[in-house]
C-alpha atoms as a PDB file:
ATOM      1  CA  MET A   1     -32.044  31.276   2.471  1.00  0.00           C
ATOM      2  CA  LYS A   2     -30.704  29.713   5.680  1.00  0.00           C
ATOM      3  CA  SER A   3     -31.266  26.064   6.471  1.00  0.00           C
ATOM      4  CA  THR A   4     -33.693  25.365   9.289  1.00  0.00           C
ATOM      5  CA  ASP A   5     -31.818  22.202  10.378  1.00  0.00           C
ATOM      6  CA  ASP A   6     -29.668  23.474  13.262  1.00  0.00           C
ATOM      7  CA  SER A   7     -29.268  20.095  14.982  1.00  0.00           C
ATOM      8  CA  LYS A   8     -25.495  20.120  14.391  1.00  0.00           C
ATOM      9  CA  PRO A   9     -23.303  23.179  14.224  1.00  0.00           C
ATOM     10  CA  ALA A  10     -21.334  23.749  11.028  1.00  0.00           C
ATOM     11  CA  THR A  11     -17.775  22.399  11.157  1.00  0.00           C
ATOM     12  CA  PRO A  12     -14.823  23.898   9.336  1.00  0.00           C
ATOM     13  CA  HIS A  13     -13.669  22.092   6.175  1.00  0.00           C
ATOM     14  CA  ASN A  14     -10.389  21.064   7.855  1.00  0.00           C
ATOM     15  CA  ALA A  15     -11.979  19.596  10.996  1.00  0.00           C
ATOM     16  CA  PRO A  16     -10.986  15.984  11.738  1.00  0.00           C
ATOM     17  CA  PRO A  17     -13.547  13.366  10.750  1.00  0.00           C
ATOM     18  CA  LEU A  18     -15.756  12.081  13.546  1.00  0.00           C
ATOM     19  CA  ASP A  19     -17.020   8.576  14.223  1.00  0.00           C
ATOM     20  CA  SER A  20     -20.636   7.783  15.094  1.00  0.00           C
ATOM     21  CA  SER A  21     -20.064   8.834  18.706  1.00  0.00           C
ATOM     22  CA  ASP A  22     -18.648  12.222  17.604  1.00  0.00           C
ATOM     23  CA  LYS A  23     -15.071  11.299  18.599  1.00  0.00           C
ATOM     24  CA  PRO A  24     -12.240  12.319  16.238  1.00  0.00           C
ATOM     25  CA  VAL A  25     -10.900   9.552  13.996  1.00  0.00           C
ATOM     26  CA  ASP A  26      -7.241   9.419  12.940  1.00  0.00           C
ATOM     27  CA  VAL A  27      -7.935   8.139   9.436  1.00  0.00           C
ATOM     28  CA  VAL A  28      -4.264   7.978   8.450  1.00  0.00           C
ATOM     29  CA  ARG A  29      -3.400   5.699  11.354  1.00  0.00           C
ATOM     30  CA  ARG A  30      -6.550   3.648  10.750  1.00  0.00           C
ATOM     31  CA  ASP A  31      -5.718   3.186   7.082  1.00  0.00           C
ATOM     32  CA  LEU A  32      -2.109   2.243   7.835  1.00  0.00           C
ATOM     33  CA  GLN A  33      -3.251  -0.375  10.345  1.00  0.00           C
ATOM     34  CA  ASP A  34      -5.866  -1.772   7.967  1.00  0.00           C
ATOM     35  CA  SER A  35      -4.651  -5.176   6.825  1.00  0.00           C
ATOM     36  CA  ASP A  36      -7.116  -5.730   4.006  1.00  0.00           C
ATOM     37  CA  ASP A  37      -5.479  -8.299   1.724  1.00  0.00           C
ATOM     38  CA  ASP A  38      -7.540  -7.229  -1.300  1.00  0.00           C
ATOM     39  CA  THR A  39      -6.215  -3.684  -1.244  1.00  0.00           C
ATOM     40  CA  ARG A  40      -2.700  -4.853  -0.385  1.00  0.00           C
ATOM     41  CA  ALA A  41      -2.590  -6.881  -3.614  1.00  0.00           C
ATOM     42  CA  VAL A  42      -3.720  -3.864  -5.629  1.00  0.00           C
ATOM     43  CA  ASP A  43      -1.214  -1.623  -3.858  1.00  0.00           C
ATOM     44  CA  GLU A  44       1.627  -4.013  -4.689  1.00  0.00           C
ATOM     45  CA  VAL A  45       0.633  -4.022  -8.359  1.00  0.00           C
ATOM     46  CA  ILE A  46       0.274  -0.255  -8.605  1.00  0.00           C
ATOM     47  CA  THR A  47       3.245   0.741  -6.429  1.00  0.00           C
ATOM     48  CA  PRO A  48       6.471   0.547  -8.429  1.00  0.00           C
ATOM     49  CA  THR A  49       9.142  -1.793  -7.161  1.00  0.00           C
ATOM     50  CA  SER A  50      12.360  -0.110  -6.150  1.00  0.00           C
ATOM     51  CA  ILE A  51      15.305  -0.236  -8.525  1.00  0.00           C
ATOM     52  CA  ARG A  52      17.340  -2.035  -5.875  1.00  0.00           C
ATOM     53  CA  GLU A  53      14.780  -4.841  -5.663  1.00  0.00           C
ATOM     54  CA  LYS A  54      14.845  -5.170  -9.456  1.00  0.00           C
ATOM     55  CA  GLU A  55      18.662  -5.307  -9.401  1.00  0.00           C
ATOM     56  CA  GLN A  56      18.616  -7.997  -6.724  1.00  0.00           C
ATOM     57  CA  GLY A  57      16.135 -10.044  -8.748  1.00  0.00           C
ATOM     58  CA  ALA A  58      18.284  -9.702 -11.866  1.00  0.00           C
ATOM     59  CA  GLU A  59      21.398 -10.785  -9.944  1.00  0.00           C
ATOM     60  CA  GLU A  60      19.596 -13.841  -8.590  1.00  0.00           C
ATOM     61  CA  LEU A  61      18.397 -14.808 -12.087  1.00  0.00           C
ATOM     62  CA  LYS A  62      21.942 -14.394 -13.443  1.00  0.00           C
ATOM     63  CA  ARG A  63      23.341 -16.677 -10.708  1.00  0.00           C
ATOM     64  CA  LYS A  64      20.724 -19.324 -11.499  1.00  0.00           C
ATOM     65  CA  THR A  65      21.361 -19.025 -15.235  1.00  0.00           C
ATOM     66  CA  ASP A  66      25.125 -19.329 -14.708  1.00  0.00           C
ATOM     67  CA  GLU A  67      24.585 -22.419 -12.533  1.00  0.00           C
ATOM     68  CA  ILE A  68      22.392 -24.067 -15.181  1.00  0.00           C
ATOM     69  CA  GLU A  69      24.888 -23.248 -17.944  1.00  0.00           C
ATOM     70  CA  ARG A  70      27.715 -24.829 -15.908  1.00  0.00           C
ATOM     71  CA  LYS A  71      25.633 -27.975 -15.386  1.00  0.00           C
ATOM     72  CA  VAL A  72      24.842 -28.181 -19.109  1.00  0.00           C
ATOM     73  CA  ALA A  73      28.485 -27.635 -20.020  1.00  0.00           C
ATOM     74  CA  ASP A  74      29.547 -30.406 -17.586  1.00  0.00           C
ATOM     75  CA  GLY A  75      26.956 -32.735 -19.078  1.00  0.00           C
ATOM     76  CA  ASN A  76      25.012 -33.214 -15.835  1.00  0.00           C
END
């Protein structure tokens, strides 16, 4: 049985989303521009850190450890 509510025509499943004034919304651009700090924190936890960033962190820790060991060995 056909619906009797013909106030809006049917839209295809791949039609762009519309805002309240029936203008198309670029949701990808909107989401990329969204600067919600709550979701950014979650994204940083979920998104894996690159291997290069991990290597840089390890190198920095090694430099600091070497510096501390030199100071201890010198008696300072």
